[in-house]
Amino acid sequence: MDNGITSRQSPNSQEAVILVAVDFSDCSRLALRKAQLLLDEGPGCIIALHVIDYNFIAACLRRDIADDGNLKSNFL
């Protein structure tokens, strides 16, 4: 299972850079906590990248779960 965490060493440095994809879900909160635990082992930083699943938004519109304006104000 992909946990949304990518980690790499910075060039010319021993400092870790951890990229975490976030969408404000419980899974992304867990990924941020895991990233913090990884950083407890040494110096580094977390980069949080907000992601939006446009396919999810399109599916909501097709199924009349929400209207276009409501989705845009909440997600975009």
C-alpha atoms as a PDB file:
ATOM      1  CA  MET A   1       0.000   0.000   0.000  1.00  0.00           C
ATOM      2  CA  ASP A   2       1.298   3.438  -0.924  1.00  0.00           C
ATOM      3  CA  ASN A   3       1.427   5.670   2.149  1.00  0.00           C
ATOM      4  CA  GLY A   4       2.032   8.880   0.192  1.00  0.00           C
ATOM      5  CA  ILE A   5       5.475   9.477   1.709  1.00  0.00           C
ATOM      6  CA  THR A   6       8.586  10.036  -0.378  1.00  0.00           C
ATOM      7  CA  SER A   7      11.917  10.499   1.358  1.00  0.00           C
ATOM      8  CA  ARG A   8      15.338  11.369  -0.019  1.00  0.00           C
ATOM      9  CA  GLN A   9      18.599  12.757   1.210  1.00  0.00           C
ATOM     10  CA  SER A  10      19.361  16.341   0.224  1.00  0.00           C
ATOM     11  CA  PRO A  11      22.347  16.688  -2.098  1.00  0.00           C
ATOM     12  CA  ASN A  12      25.535  17.559  -0.217  1.00  0.00           C
ATOM     13  CA  SER A  13      23.787  17.183   3.127  1.00  0.00           C
ATOM     14  CA  GLN A  14      22.821  14.688   5.783  1.00  0.00           C
ATOM     15  CA  GLU A  15      19.464  16.415   6.209  1.00  0.00           C
ATOM     16  CA  ALA A  16      16.411  14.376   5.159  1.00  0.00           C
ATOM     17  CA  VAL A  17      13.681  15.914   3.022  1.00  0.00           C
ATOM     18  CA  ILE A  18      10.321  14.131   3.291  1.00  0.00           C
ATOM     19  CA  LEU A  19       7.543  14.911   0.811  1.00  0.00           C
ATOM     20  CA  VAL A  20       4.034  14.094   2.070  1.00  0.00           C
ATOM     21  CA  ALA A  21       0.985  14.355  -0.185  1.00  0.00           C
ATOM     22  CA  VAL A  22      -1.936  15.736   1.860  1.00  0.00           C
ATOM     23  CA  ASP A  23      -5.641  16.036   1.135  1.00  0.00           C
ATOM     24  CA  PHE A  24      -6.896  16.638   4.710  1.00  0.00           C
ATOM     25  CA  SER A  25      -7.975  12.998   5.033  1.00  0.00           C
ATOM     26  CA  ASP A  26      -7.254  10.736   7.996  1.00  0.00           C
ATOM     27  CA  CYS A  27      -4.696   8.906   5.844  1.00  0.00           C
ATOM     28  CA  SER A  28      -2.772  12.076   5.073  1.00  0.00           C
ATOM     29  CA  ARG A  29      -2.764  13.070   8.750  1.00  0.00           C
ATOM     30  CA  LEU A  30      -1.300   9.656   9.535  1.00  0.00           C
ATOM     31  CA  ALA A  31       1.325  10.135   6.806  1.00  0.00           C
ATOM     32  CA  LEU A  32       2.339  13.477   8.350  1.00  0.00           C
ATOM     33  CA  ARG A  33       2.665  11.861  11.779  1.00  0.00           C
ATOM     34  CA  LYS A  34       4.796   9.074  10.308  1.00  0.00           C
ATOM     35  CA  ALA A  35       6.998  11.650   8.570  1.00  0.00           C
ATOM     36  CA  GLN A  36       7.492  13.422  11.901  1.00  0.00           C
ATOM     37  CA  LEU A  37       8.502  10.124  13.510  1.00  0.00           C
ATOM     38  CA  LEU A  38      11.058   9.581  10.753  1.00  0.00           C
ATOM     39  CA  LEU A  39      12.502  13.044  11.379  1.00  0.00           C
ATOM     40  CA  ASP A  40      12.840  12.310  15.077  1.00  0.00           C
ATOM     41  CA  GLU A  41      15.776  10.116  14.025  1.00  0.00           C
ATOM     42  CA  GLY A  42      17.763  13.059  12.622  1.00  0.00           C
ATOM     43  CA  PRO A  43      17.712  16.517  11.055  1.00  0.00           C
ATOM     44  CA  GLY A  44      15.456  17.297   8.139  1.00  0.00           C
ATOM     45  CA  CYS A  45      12.251  18.873   6.965  1.00  0.00           C
ATOM     46  CA  ILE A  46       8.794  17.869   5.817  1.00  0.00           C
ATOM     47  CA  ILE A  47       7.289  19.280   2.645  1.00  0.00           C
ATOM     48  CA  ALA A  48       3.487  18.957   2.606  1.00  0.00           C
ATOM     49  CA  LEU A  49       2.024  18.976  -0.915  1.00  0.00           C
ATOM     50  CA  HIS A  50      -1.737  19.514  -1.099  1.00  0.00           C
ATOM     51  CA  VAL A  51      -3.252  17.240  -3.722  1.00  0.00           C
ATOM     52  CA  ILE A  52      -6.718  17.354  -5.276  1.00  0.00           C
ATOM     53  CA  ASP A  53      -8.239  14.366  -7.045  1.00  0.00           C
ATOM     54  CA  TYR A  54     -10.061  15.988  -9.966  1.00  0.00           C
ATOM     55  CA  ASN A  55     -11.616  12.613 -10.863  1.00  0.00           C
ATOM     56  CA  PHE A  56     -13.299  12.610  -7.431  1.00  0.00           C
ATOM     57  CA  ILE A  57     -14.685  16.107  -8.024  1.00  0.00           C
ATOM     58  CA  ALA A  58     -15.979  15.112 -11.469  1.00  0.00           C
ATOM     59  CA  ALA A  59     -17.662  12.012  -9.974  1.00  0.00           C
ATOM     60  CA  CYS A  60     -19.370  14.185  -7.324  1.00  0.00           C
ATOM     61  CA  LEU A  61     -20.703  16.481 -10.023  1.00  0.00           C
ATOM     62  CA  ARG A  62     -21.941  13.575 -12.176  1.00  0.00           C
ATOM     63  CA  ARG A  63     -23.768  12.037  -9.208  1.00  0.00           C
ATOM     64  CA  ASP A  64     -25.229  15.384  -8.057  1.00  0.00           C
ATOM     65  CA  ILE A  65     -23.545  15.023  -4.656  1.00  0.00           C
ATOM     66  CA  ALA A  66     -22.696  18.723  -4.764  1.00  0.00           C
ATOM     67  CA  ASP A  67     -22.900  21.567  -7.223  1.00  0.00           C
ATOM     68  CA  ASP A  68     -19.937  23.095  -9.031  1.00  0.00           C
ATOM     69  CA  GLY A  69     -19.802  26.242  -6.872  1.00  0.00           C
ATOM     70  CA  ASN A  70     -19.943  24.282  -3.613  1.00  0.00           C
ATOM     71  CA  LEU A  71     -17.143  21.936  -4.691  1.00  0.00           C
ATOM     72  CA  LYS A  72     -14.931  24.777  -5.919  1.00  0.00           C
ATOM     73  CA  SER A  73     -15.367  26.724  -2.695  1.00  0.00           C
ATOM     74  CA  ASN A  74     -14.527  23.663  -0.591  1.00  0.00           C
ATOM     75  CA  PHE A  75     -11.729  22.072  -2.620  1.00  0.00           C
ATOM     76  CA  LEU A  76     -10.164  24.617  -4.976  1.00  0.00           C
END
